[in-house]
Full PDB file with SEQRES, HELIX, SHEET, SSBOND, CRYST1, ORIGX, SCALE, CONECT and MASTER records, all heavy atoms in Angstrom:
SEQRES   1 A   39  GLN LEU ASN GLN ILE SER HIS LEU SER ARG VAL ALA MET          
SEQRES   2 A   39  LEU GLY GLU LEU SER GLY ALA LEU ALA HIS GLU LEU SER          
SEQRES   3 A   39  GLN PRO LEU THR ALA ILE LEU ALA ASN ALA GLN ALA ALA          
HELIX    1 AA1 LEU A    2  GLU A   16  1                                  15    
HELIX    2 AA2 SER A   18  ALA A   38  1                                  21    
CRYST1    1.000    1.000    1.000  90.00  90.00  90.00 P 1           1          
ORIGX1      1.000000  0.000000  0.000000        0.00000                         
ORIGX2      0.000000  1.000000  0.000000        0.00000                         
ORIGX3      0.000000  0.000000  1.000000        0.00000                         
SCALE1      1.000000  0.000000  0.000000        0.00000                         
SCALE2      0.000000  1.000000  0.000000        0.00000                         
SCALE3      0.000000  0.000000  1.000000        0.00000                         
ATOM      1  N   GLN A   1    -157.724-104.792-223.697  1.00  0.00           N  
ATOM      2  CA  GLN A   1    -156.868-103.630-223.827  1.00  0.00           C  
ATOM      3  C   GLN A   1    -157.438-102.627-224.815  1.00  0.00           C  
ATOM      4  O   GLN A   1    -157.351-101.407-224.562  1.00  0.00           O  
ATOM      5  CB  GLN A   1    -155.476-104.074-224.261  1.00  0.00           C  
ATOM      6  CG  GLN A   1    -154.766-104.962-223.240  1.00  0.00           C  
ATOM      7  CD  GLN A   1    -153.439-105.557-223.760  1.00  0.00           C  
ATOM      8  OE1 GLN A   1    -153.094-105.288-224.899  1.00  0.00           O  
ATOM      9  NE2 GLN A   1    -152.755-106.296-222.904  1.00  0.00           N  
ATOM     10  N   LEU A   2    -158.015-103.134-225.888  1.00  0.00           N  
ATOM     11  CA  LEU A   2    -158.640-102.208-226.874  1.00  0.00           C  
ATOM     12  C   LEU A   2    -159.782-101.439-226.244  1.00  0.00           C  
ATOM     13  O   LEU A   2    -159.973-100.255-226.480  1.00  0.00           O  
ATOM     14  CB  LEU A   2    -159.097-103.056-228.101  1.00  0.00           C  
ATOM     15  CG  LEU A   2    -159.852-102.231-229.178  1.00  0.00           C  
ATOM     16  CD1 LEU A   2    -158.956-101.146-229.749  1.00  0.00           C  
ATOM     17  CD2 LEU A   2    -160.334-103.165-230.289  1.00  0.00           C  
ATOM     18  N   ASN A   3    -160.567-102.187-225.439  1.00  0.00           N  
ATOM     19  CA  ASN A   3    -161.673-101.466-224.752  1.00  0.00           C  
ATOM     20  C   ASN A   3    -161.173-100.361-223.814  1.00  0.00           C  
ATOM     21  O   ASN A   3    -161.794 -99.320-223.755  1.00  0.00           O  
ATOM     22  CB  ASN A   3    -162.517-102.502-223.982  1.00  0.00           C  
ATOM     23  CG  ASN A   3    -163.252-103.470-224.881  1.00  0.00           C  
ATOM     24  OD1 ASN A   3    -163.518-103.176-226.047  1.00  0.00           O  
ATOM     25  ND2 ASN A   3    -163.575-104.636-224.372  1.00  0.00           N  
ATOM     26  N   GLN A   4    -160.104-100.646-223.109  1.00  0.00           N  
ATOM     27  CA  GLN A   4    -159.556 -99.659-222.245  1.00  0.00           C  
ATOM     28  C   GLN A   4    -159.051 -98.457-223.013  1.00  0.00           C  
ATOM     29  O   GLN A   4    -159.287 -97.282-222.614  1.00  0.00           O  
ATOM     30  CB  GLN A   4    -158.441-100.282-221.401  1.00  0.00           C  
ATOM     31  CG  GLN A   4    -158.898-101.342-220.419  1.00  0.00           C  
ATOM     32  CD  GLN A   4    -157.811-102.001-219.660  1.00  0.00           C  
ATOM     33  OE1 GLN A   4    -156.603-101.619-219.787  1.00  0.00           O  
ATOM     34  NE2 GLN A   4    -158.089-103.020-218.855  1.00  0.00           N  
ATOM     35  N   ILE A   5    -158.296 -98.704-224.102  1.00  0.00           N  
ATOM     36  CA  ILE A   5    -157.813 -97.614-224.909  1.00  0.00           C  
ATOM     37  C   ILE A   5    -158.947 -96.854-225.554  1.00  0.00           C  
ATOM     38  O   ILE A   5    -158.966 -95.603-225.573  1.00  0.00           O  
ATOM     39  CB  ILE A   5    -156.829 -98.190-226.015  1.00  0.00           C  
ATOM     40  CG1 ILE A   5    -155.582 -98.789-225.358  1.00  0.00           C  
ATOM     41  CG2 ILE A   5    -156.423 -97.032-226.938  1.00  0.00           C  
ATOM     42  CD1 ILE A   5    -154.649 -99.411-226.364  1.00  0.00           C  
ATOM     43  N   SER A   6    -159.966 -97.559-226.013  1.00  0.00           N  
ATOM     44  CA  SER A   6    -161.141 -96.890-226.573  1.00  0.00           C  
ATOM     45  C   SER A   6    -161.834 -96.010-225.554  1.00  0.00           C  
ATOM     46  O   SER A   6    -162.289 -94.923-225.827  1.00  0.00           O  
ATOM     47  CB  SER A   6    -162.134 -97.945-227.166  1.00  0.00           C  
ATOM     48  OG  SER A   6    -161.523 -98.714-228.154  1.00  0.00           O  
ATOM     49  N   HIS A   7    -161.924 -96.525-224.322  1.00  0.00           N  
ATOM     50  CA  HIS A   7    -162.601 -95.738-223.275  1.00  0.00           C  
ATOM     51  C   HIS A   7    -161.772 -94.469-222.989  1.00  0.00           C  
ATOM     52  O   HIS A   7    -162.331 -93.386-222.843  1.00  0.00           O  
ATOM     53  CB  HIS A   7    -162.692 -96.570-222.014  1.00  0.00           C  
ATOM     54  CG  HIS A   7    -163.227 -95.870-220.830  1.00  0.00           C  
ATOM     55  ND1 HIS A   7    -162.462 -95.357-219.846  1.00  0.00           N  
ATOM     56  CD2 HIS A   7    -164.555 -95.528-220.554  1.00  0.00           C  
ATOM     57  CE1 HIS A   7    -163.238 -94.754-218.916  1.00  0.00           C  
ATOM     58  NE2 HIS A   7    -164.509 -94.851-219.340  1.00  0.00           N  
ATOM     59  N   LEU A   8    -160.453 -94.593-222.912  1.00  0.00           N  
ATOM     60  CA  LEU A   8    -159.595 -93.396-222.681  1.00  0.00           C  
ATOM     61  C   LEU A   8    -159.725 -92.445-223.851  1.00  0.00           C  
ATOM     62  O   LEU A   8    -159.777 -91.222-223.648  1.00  0.00           O  
ATOM     63  CB  LEU A   8    -158.164 -93.836-222.485  1.00  0.00           C  
ATOM     64  CG  LEU A   8    -157.818 -94.677-221.272  1.00  0.00           C  
ATOM     65  CD1 LEU A   8    -156.363 -95.093-221.234  1.00  0.00           C  
ATOM     66  CD2 LEU A   8    -158.203 -93.890-219.984  1.00  0.00           C  
ATOM     67  N   SER A   9    -159.848 -92.956-225.057  1.00  0.00           N  
ATOM     68  CA  SER A   9    -160.015 -92.073-226.199  1.00  0.00           C  
ATOM     69  C   SER A   9    -161.379 -91.342-226.136  1.00  0.00           C  
ATOM     70  O   SER A   9    -161.453 -90.136-226.452  1.00  0.00           O  
ATOM     71  CB  SER A   9    -159.934 -92.921-227.457  1.00  0.00           C  
ATOM     72  OG  SER A   9    -160.160 -92.075-228.626  1.00  0.00           O  
ATOM     73  N   ARG A  10    -162.439 -92.037-225.722  1.00  0.00           N  
ATOM     74  CA  ARG A  10    -163.716 -91.384-225.598  1.00  0.00           C  
ATOM     75  C   ARG A  10    -163.681 -90.338-224.530  1.00  0.00           C  
ATOM     76  O   ARG A  10    -164.247 -89.234-224.710  1.00  0.00           O  
ATOM     77  CB  ARG A  10    -164.809 -92.421-225.240  1.00  0.00           C  
ATOM     78  CG  ARG A  10    -165.086 -93.393-226.404  1.00  0.00           C  
ATOM     79  CD  ARG A  10    -166.401 -94.133-226.113  1.00  0.00           C  
ATOM     80  NE  ARG A  10    -166.413 -94.910-224.960  1.00  0.00           N  
ATOM     81  CZ  ARG A  10    -166.028 -96.218-224.932  1.00  0.00           C  
ATOM     82  NH1 ARG A  10    -165.621 -96.812-225.970  1.00  0.00           N  
ATOM     83  NH2 ARG A  10    -166.082 -96.879-223.784  1.00  0.00           N  
ATOM     84  N   VAL A  11    -163.045 -90.626-223.389  1.00  0.00           N  
ATOM     85  CA  VAL A  11    -162.930 -89.632-222.355  1.00  0.00           C  
ATOM     86  C   VAL A  11    -162.179 -88.388-222.821  1.00  0.00           C  
ATOM     87  O   VAL A  11    -162.527 -87.204-222.542  1.00  0.00           O  
ATOM     88  CB  VAL A  11    -162.207 -90.217-221.092  1.00  0.00           C  
ATOM     89  CG1 VAL A  11    -161.916 -89.146-220.042  1.00  0.00           C  
ATOM     90  CG2 VAL A  11    -163.082 -91.299-220.479  1.00  0.00           C  
ATOM     91  N   ALA A  12    -161.053 -88.615-223.620  1.00  0.00           N  
ATOM     92  CA  ALA A  12    -160.319 -87.476-224.156  1.00  0.00           C  
ATOM     93  C   ALA A  12    -161.192 -86.662-225.086  1.00  0.00           C  
ATOM     94  O   ALA A  12    -161.132 -85.420-225.094  1.00  0.00           O  
ATOM     95  CB  ALA A  12    -159.057 -87.978-224.863  1.00  0.00           C  
ATOM     96  N   MET A  13    -161.944 -87.315-225.973  1.00  0.00           N  
ATOM     97  CA  MET A  13    -162.818 -86.577-226.908  1.00  0.00           C  
ATOM     98  C   MET A  13    -163.891 -85.771-226.150  1.00  0.00           C  
ATOM     99  O   MET A  13    -164.173 -84.650-226.491  1.00  0.00           O  
ATOM    100  CB  MET A  13    -163.482 -87.541-227.860  1.00  0.00           C  
ATOM    101  CG  MET A  13    -162.558 -88.062-228.940  1.00  0.00           C  
ATOM    102  SD  MET A  13    -163.504 -88.923-230.264  1.00  0.00           S  
ATOM    103  CE  MET A  13    -164.200 -90.269-229.316  1.00  0.00           C  
ATOM    104  N   LEU A  14    -164.480 -86.402-225.134  1.00  0.00           N  
ATOM    105  CA  LEU A  14    -165.512 -85.670-224.367  1.00  0.00           C  
ATOM    106  C   LEU A  14    -164.880 -84.531-223.580  1.00  0.00           C  
ATOM    107  O   LEU A  14    -165.598 -83.528-223.346  1.00  0.00           O  
ATOM    108  CB  LEU A  14    -166.228 -86.647-223.429  1.00  0.00           C  
ATOM    109  CG  LEU A  14    -167.015 -87.760-224.098  1.00  0.00           C  
ATOM    110  CD1 LEU A  14    -167.587 -88.731-223.052  1.00  0.00           C  
ATOM    111  CD2 LEU A  14    -168.158 -87.112-224.886  1.00  0.00           C  
ATOM    112  N   GLY A  15    -163.583 -84.666-223.245  1.00  0.00           N  
ATOM    113  CA  GLY A  15    -162.935 -83.535-222.644  1.00  0.00           C  
ATOM    114  C   GLY A  15    -162.857 -82.308-223.594  1.00  0.00           C  
ATOM    115  O   GLY A  15    -162.982 -81.203-223.158  1.00  0.00           O  
ATOM    116  N   GLU A  16    -162.593 -82.642-224.885  1.00  0.00           N  
ATOM    117  CA  GLU A  16    -162.575 -81.596-225.856  1.00  0.00           C  
ATOM    118  C   GLU A  16    -163.912 -80.934-226.017  1.00  0.00           C  
ATOM    119  O   GLU A  16    -164.072 -79.746-226.381  1.00  0.00           O  
ATOM    120  CB  GLU A  16    -162.078 -82.121-227.228  1.00  0.00           C  
ATOM    121  CG  GLU A  16    -160.691 -82.644-227.185  1.00  0.00           C  
ATOM    122  CD  GLU A  16    -160.275 -83.234-228.556  1.00  0.00           C  
ATOM    123  OE1 GLU A  16    -160.938 -82.931-229.491  1.00  0.00           O  
ATOM    124  OE2 GLU A  16    -159.278 -83.990-228.650  1.00  0.00           O  
ATOM    125  N   LEU A  17    -165.007 -81.710-225.788  1.00  0.00           N  
ATOM    126  CA  LEU A  17    -166.342 -81.200-225.945  1.00  0.00           C  
ATOM    127  C   LEU A  17    -166.961 -80.679-224.666  1.00  0.00           C  
ATOM    128  O   LEU A  17    -168.157 -80.382-224.620  1.00  0.00           O  
ATOM    129  CB  LEU A  17    -167.223 -82.332-226.488  1.00  0.00           C  
ATOM    130  CG  LEU A  17    -166.962 -82.847-227.898  1.00  0.00           C  
ATOM    131  CD1 LEU A  17    -167.875 -84.020-228.173  1.00  0.00           C  
ATOM    132  CD2 LEU A  17    -167.173 -81.791-228.925  1.00  0.00           C  
ATOM    133  N   SER A  18    -166.127 -80.594-223.589  1.00  0.00           N  
ATOM    134  CA  SER A  18    -166.695 -80.215-222.285  1.00  0.00           C  
ATOM    135  C   SER A  18    -167.406 -78.880-222.342  1.00  0.00           C  
ATOM    136  O   SER A  18    -168.445 -78.708-221.773  1.00  0.00           O  
ATOM    137  CB  SER A  18    -165.597 -80.249-221.246  1.00  0.00           C  
ATOM    138  OG  SER A  18    -164.545 -79.317-221.648  1.00  0.00           O  
ATOM    139  N   GLY A  19    -166.790 -77.858-222.976  1.00  0.00           N  
ATOM    140  CA  GLY A  19    -167.443 -76.551-223.064  1.00  0.00           C  
ATOM    141  C   GLY A  19    -168.756 -76.600-223.770  1.00  0.00           C  
ATOM    142  O   GLY A  19    -169.803 -76.039-223.270  1.00  0.00           O  
ATOM    143  N   ALA A  20    -168.784 -77.280-224.937  1.00  0.00           N  
ATOM    144  CA  ALA A  20    -170.014 -77.331-225.710  1.00  0.00           C  
ATOM    145  C   ALA A  20    -171.041 -78.172-224.936  1.00  0.00           C  
ATOM    146  O   ALA A  20    -172.256 -77.809-224.982  1.00  0.00           O  
ATOM    147  CB  ALA A  20    -169.740 -77.989-227.067  1.00  0.00           C  
ATOM    148  N   LEU A  21    -170.625 -79.240-224.235  1.00  0.00           N  
ATOM    149  CA  LEU A  21    -171.592 -80.022-223.498  1.00  0.00           C  
ATOM    150  C   LEU A  21    -172.170 -79.262-222.306  1.00  0.00           C  
ATOM    151  O   LEU A  21    -173.337 -79.381-221.989  1.00  0.00           O  
ATOM    152  CB  LEU A  21    -170.888 -81.313-222.999  1.00  0.00           C  
ATOM    153  CG  LEU A  21    -170.481 -82.271-224.090  1.00  0.00           C  
ATOM    154  CD1 LEU A  21    -169.694 -83.451-223.448  1.00  0.00           C  
ATOM    155  CD2 LEU A  21    -171.721 -82.836-224.812  1.00  0.00           C  
ATOM    156  N   ALA A  22    -171.311 -78.400-221.649  1.00  0.00           N  
ATOM    157  CA  ALA A  22    -171.823 -77.588-220.581  1.00  0.00           C  
ATOM    158  C   ALA A  22    -172.851 -76.622-221.128  1.00  0.00           C  
ATOM    159  O   ALA A  22    -173.896 -76.337-220.447  1.00  0.00           O  
ATOM    160  CB  ALA A  22    -170.715 -76.805-219.942  1.00  0.00           C  
ATOM    161  N   HIS A  23    -172.657 -76.044-222.317  1.00  0.00           N  
ATOM    162  CA  HIS A  23    -173.643 -75.167-222.942  1.00  0.00           C  
ATOM    163  C   HIS A  23    -174.872 -75.992-223.240  1.00  0.00           C  
ATOM    164  O   HIS A  23    -175.974 -75.492-223.095  1.00  0.00           O  
ATOM    165  CB  HIS A  23    -173.046 -74.519-224.159  1.00  0.00           C  
ATOM    166  CG  HIS A  23    -173.983 -73.643-224.830  1.00  0.00           C  
ATOM    167  ND1 HIS A  23    -174.437 -72.446-224.342  1.00  0.00           N  
ATOM    168  CD2 HIS A  23    -174.635 -73.797-226.038  1.00  0.00           C  
ATOM    169  CE1 HIS A  23    -175.303 -71.904-225.179  1.00  0.00           C  
ATOM    170  NE2 HIS A  23    -175.440 -72.706-226.270  1.00  0.00           N  
ATOM    171  N   GLU A  24    -174.694 -77.193-223.719  1.00  0.00           N  
ATOM    172  CA  GLU A  24    -175.817 -78.029-224.132  1.00  0.00           C  
ATOM    173  C   GLU A  24    -176.731 -78.366-222.919  1.00  0.00           C  
ATOM    174  O   GLU A  24    -177.932 -78.377-223.004  1.00  0.00           O  
ATOM    175  CB  GLU A  24    -175.327 -79.291-224.762  1.00  0.00           C  
ATOM    176  CG  GLU A  24    -176.412 -80.151-225.363  1.00  0.00           C  
ATOM    177  CD  GLU A  24    -176.895 -79.665-226.741  1.00  0.00           C  
ATOM    178  OE1 GLU A  24    -176.196 -78.759-227.303  1.00  0.00           O  
ATOM    179  OE2 GLU A  24    -177.945 -80.072-227.174  1.00  0.00           O  
ATOM    180  N   LEU A  25    -176.076 -78.509-221.756  1.00  0.00           N  
ATOM    181  CA  LEU A  25    -176.847 -78.792-220.522  1.00  0.00           C  
ATOM    182  C   LEU A  25    -177.422 -77.547-219.894  1.00  0.00           C  
ATOM    183  O   LEU A  25    -178.454 -77.601-219.253  1.00  0.00           O  
ATOM    184  CB  LEU A  25    -175.977 -79.508-219.514  1.00  0.00           C  
ATOM    185  CG  LEU A  25    -175.682 -81.009-219.780  1.00  0.00           C  
ATOM    186  CD1 LEU A  25    -174.642 -81.524-218.784  1.00  0.00           C  
ATOM    187  CD2 LEU A  25    -176.929 -81.832-219.695  1.00  0.00           C  
ATOM    188  N   SER A  26    -176.701 -76.416-220.040  1.00  0.00           N  
ATOM    189  CA  SER A  26    -177.202 -75.154-219.431  1.00  0.00           C  
ATOM    190  C   SER A  26    -178.515 -74.683-220.047  1.00  0.00           C  
ATOM    191  O   SER A  26    -179.342 -74.059-219.319  1.00  0.00           O  
ATOM    192  CB  SER A  26    -176.130 -74.078-219.547  1.00  0.00           C  
ATOM    193  OG  SER A  26    -175.915 -73.715-220.914  1.00  0.00           O  
ATOM    194  N   GLN A  27    -178.755 -74.968-221.310  1.00  0.00           N  
ATOM    195  CA  GLN A  27    -179.946 -74.515-221.913  1.00  0.00           C  
ATOM    196  C   GLN A  27    -181.183 -75.148-221.309  1.00  0.00           C  
ATOM    197  O   GLN A  27    -182.125 -74.424-220.888  1.00  0.00           O  
ATOM    198  CB  GLN A  27    -179.923 -74.741-223.414  1.00  0.00           C  
ATOM    199  CG  GLN A  27    -178.865 -73.864-224.170  1.00  0.00           C  
ATOM    200  CD  GLN A  27    -178.918 -74.157-225.652  1.00  0.00           C  
ATOM    201  OE1 GLN A  27    -179.415 -75.147-226.098  1.00  0.00           O  
ATOM    202  NE2 GLN A  27    -178.213 -73.280-226.386  1.00  0.00           N  
ATOM    203  N   PRO A  28    -181.342 -76.383-221.230  1.00  0.00           N  
ATOM    204  CA  PRO A  28    -182.534 -76.965-220.548  1.00  0.00           C  
ATOM    205  C   PRO A  28    -182.603 -76.656-219.108  1.00  0.00           C  
ATOM    206  O   PRO A  28    -183.692 -76.437-218.571  1.00  0.00           O  
ATOM    207  CB  PRO A  28    -182.383 -78.480-220.811  1.00  0.00           C  
ATOM    208  CG  PRO A  28    -180.970 -78.727-221.078  1.00  0.00           C  
ATOM    209  CD  PRO A  28    -180.459 -77.486-221.750  1.00  0.00           C  
ATOM    210  N   LEU A  29    -181.474 -76.555-218.397  1.00  0.00           N  
ATOM    211  CA  LEU A  29    -181.532 -76.241-216.971  1.00  0.00           C  
ATOM    212  C   LEU A  29    -181.957 -74.806-216.822  1.00  0.00           C  
ATOM    213  O   LEU A  29    -182.743 -74.507-215.883  1.00  0.00           O  
ATOM    214  CB  LEU A  29    -180.097 -76.432-216.377  1.00  0.00           C  
ATOM    215  CG  LEU A  29    -179.601 -77.834-216.253  1.00  0.00           C  
ATOM    216  CD1 LEU A  29    -178.197 -77.878-215.712  1.00  0.00           C  
ATOM    217  CD2 LEU A  29    -180.540 -78.723-215.398  1.00  0.00           C  
ATOM    218  N   THR A  30    -181.528 -73.851-217.644  1.00  0.00           N  
ATOM    219  CA  THR A  30    -182.016 -72.458-217.554  1.00  0.00           C  
ATOM    220  C   THR A  30    -183.510 -72.401-217.865  1.00  0.00           C  
ATOM    221  O   THR A  30    -184.278 -71.676-217.209  1.00  0.00           O  
ATOM    222  CB  THR A  30    -181.236 -71.589-218.566  1.00  0.00           C  
ATOM    223  OG1 THR A  30    -179.854 -71.689-218.254  1.00  0.00           O  
ATOM    224  CG2 THR A  30    -181.692 -70.151-218.461  1.00  0.00           C  
ATOM    225  N   ALA A  31    -183.925 -73.210-218.881  1.00  0.00           N  
ATOM    226  CA  ALA A  31    -185.352 -73.166-219.188  1.00  0.00           C  
ATOM    227  C   ALA A  31    -186.164 -73.744-218.079  1.00  0.00           C  
ATOM    228  O   ALA A  31    -187.269 -73.272-217.745  1.00  0.00           O  
ATOM    229  CB  ALA A  31    -185.617 -74.026-220.496  1.00  0.00           C  
ATOM    230  N   ILE A  32    -185.679 -74.787-217.373  1.00  0.00           N  
ATOM    231  CA  ILE A  32    -186.375 -75.346-216.222  1.00  0.00           C  
ATOM    232  C   ILE A  32    -186.507 -74.336-215.136  1.00  0.00           C  
ATOM    233  O   ILE A  32    -187.572 -74.182-214.474  1.00  0.00           O  
ATOM    234  CB  ILE A  32    -185.666 -76.640-215.753  1.00  0.00           C  
ATOM    235  CG1 ILE A  32    -185.803 -77.733-216.772  1.00  0.00           C  
ATOM    236  CG2 ILE A  32    -186.180 -77.109-214.404  1.00  0.00           C  
ATOM    237  CD1 ILE A  32    -184.936 -78.956-216.507  1.00  0.00           C  
ATOM    238  N   LEU A  33    -185.385 -73.593-214.842  1.00  0.00           N  
ATOM    239  CA  LEU A  33    -185.409 -72.583-213.772  1.00  0.00           C  
ATOM    240  C   LEU A  33    -186.384 -71.498-214.114  1.00  0.00           C  
ATOM    241  O   LEU A  33    -187.161 -71.041-213.233  1.00  0.00           O  
ATOM    242  CB  LEU A  33    -184.004 -72.036-213.617  1.00  0.00           C  
ATOM    243  CG  LEU A  33    -183.857 -70.860-212.552  1.00  0.00           C  
ATOM    244  CD1 LEU A  33    -184.262 -71.397-211.173  1.00  0.00           C  
ATOM    245  CD2 LEU A  33    -182.465 -70.330-212.528  1.00  0.00           C  
ATOM    246  N   ALA A  34    -186.409 -70.994-215.371  1.00  0.00           N  
ATOM    247  CA  ALA A  34    -187.334 -69.901-215.752  1.00  0.00           C  
ATOM    248  C   ALA A  34    -188.767 -70.366-215.614  1.00  0.00           C  
ATOM    249  O   ALA A  34    -189.654 -69.624-215.118  1.00  0.00           O  
ATOM    250  CB  ALA A  34    -187.016 -69.477-217.179  1.00  0.00           C  
ATOM    251  N   ASN A  35    -189.062 -71.580-216.055  1.00  0.00           N  
ATOM    252  CA  ASN A  35    -190.427 -72.078-215.954  1.00  0.00           C  
ATOM    253  C   ASN A  35    -190.862 -72.280-214.524  1.00  0.00           C  
ATOM    254  O   ASN A  35    -192.049 -72.049-214.164  1.00  0.00           O  
ATOM    255  CB  ASN A  35    -190.564 -73.389-216.736  1.00  0.00           C  
ATOM    256  CG  ASN A  35    -190.534 -73.195-218.258  1.00  0.00           C  
ATOM    257  OD1 ASN A  35    -191.094 -72.199-218.745  1.00  0.00           O  
ATOM    258  ND2 ASN A  35    -189.939 -74.108-218.970  1.00  0.00           N  
ATOM    259  N   ALA A  36    -189.919 -72.720-213.673  1.00  0.00           N  
ATOM    260  CA  ALA A  36    -190.261 -72.896-212.240  1.00  0.00           C  
ATOM    261  C   ALA A  36    -190.621 -71.568-211.597  1.00  0.00           C  
ATOM    262  O   ALA A  36    -191.534 -71.429-210.787  1.00  0.00           O  
ATOM    263  CB  ALA A  36    -189.099 -73.577-211.561  1.00  0.00           C  
ATOM    264  N   GLN A  37    -189.803 -70.554-211.904  1.00  0.00           N  
ATOM    265  CA  GLN A  37    -190.034 -69.167-211.343  1.00  0.00           C  
ATOM    266  C   GLN A  37    -191.384 -68.648-211.842  1.00  0.00           C  
ATOM    267  O   GLN A  37    -192.145 -68.030-211.088  1.00  0.00           O  
ATOM    268  CB  GLN A  37    -188.919 -68.267-211.744  1.00  0.00           C  
ATOM    269  CG  GLN A  37    -187.601 -68.576-211.053  1.00  0.00           C  
ATOM    270  CD  GLN A  37    -186.421 -67.770-211.522  1.00  0.00           C  
ATOM    271  OE1 GLN A  37    -186.548 -67.100-212.610  1.00  0.00           O  
ATOM    272  NE2 GLN A  37    -185.335 -67.785-210.825  1.00  0.00           N  
ATOM    273  N   ALA A  38    -191.662 -68.883-213.132  1.00  0.00           N  
ATOM    274  CA  ALA A  38    -192.961 -68.384-213.680  1.00  0.00           C  
ATOM    275  C   ALA A  38    -194.086 -69.100-212.989  1.00  0.00           C  
ATOM    276  O   ALA A  38    -195.183 -68.551-212.705  1.00  0.00           O  
ATOM    277  CB  ALA A  38    -193.025 -68.603-215.193  1.00  0.00           C  
ATOM    278  N   ALA A  39    -193.969 -70.423-212.745  1.00  0.00           N  
ATOM    279  CA  ALA A  39    -194.975 -71.180-212.100  1.00  0.00           C  
ATOM    280  C   ALA A  39    -195.275 -70.677-210.700  1.00  0.00           C  
ATOM    281  O   ALA A  39    -196.431 -70.590-210.234  1.00  0.00           O  
ATOM    282  CB  ALA A  39    -194.609 -72.671-212.094  1.00  0.00           C  
TER     283      ALA A  39                                                      
MASTER        0    0    0    2    0    0    0    6  282    1    0    3          
END                                                                             
């Protein structure tokens, strides 16, 4: 039960970080796209 509650708590925390995580992923993806176009 503690593992389940901990998992739900982690999911809730990551939900709060969803915007920042999207930004964190967009940077390498944008860099990959720019490098591919340059290539």
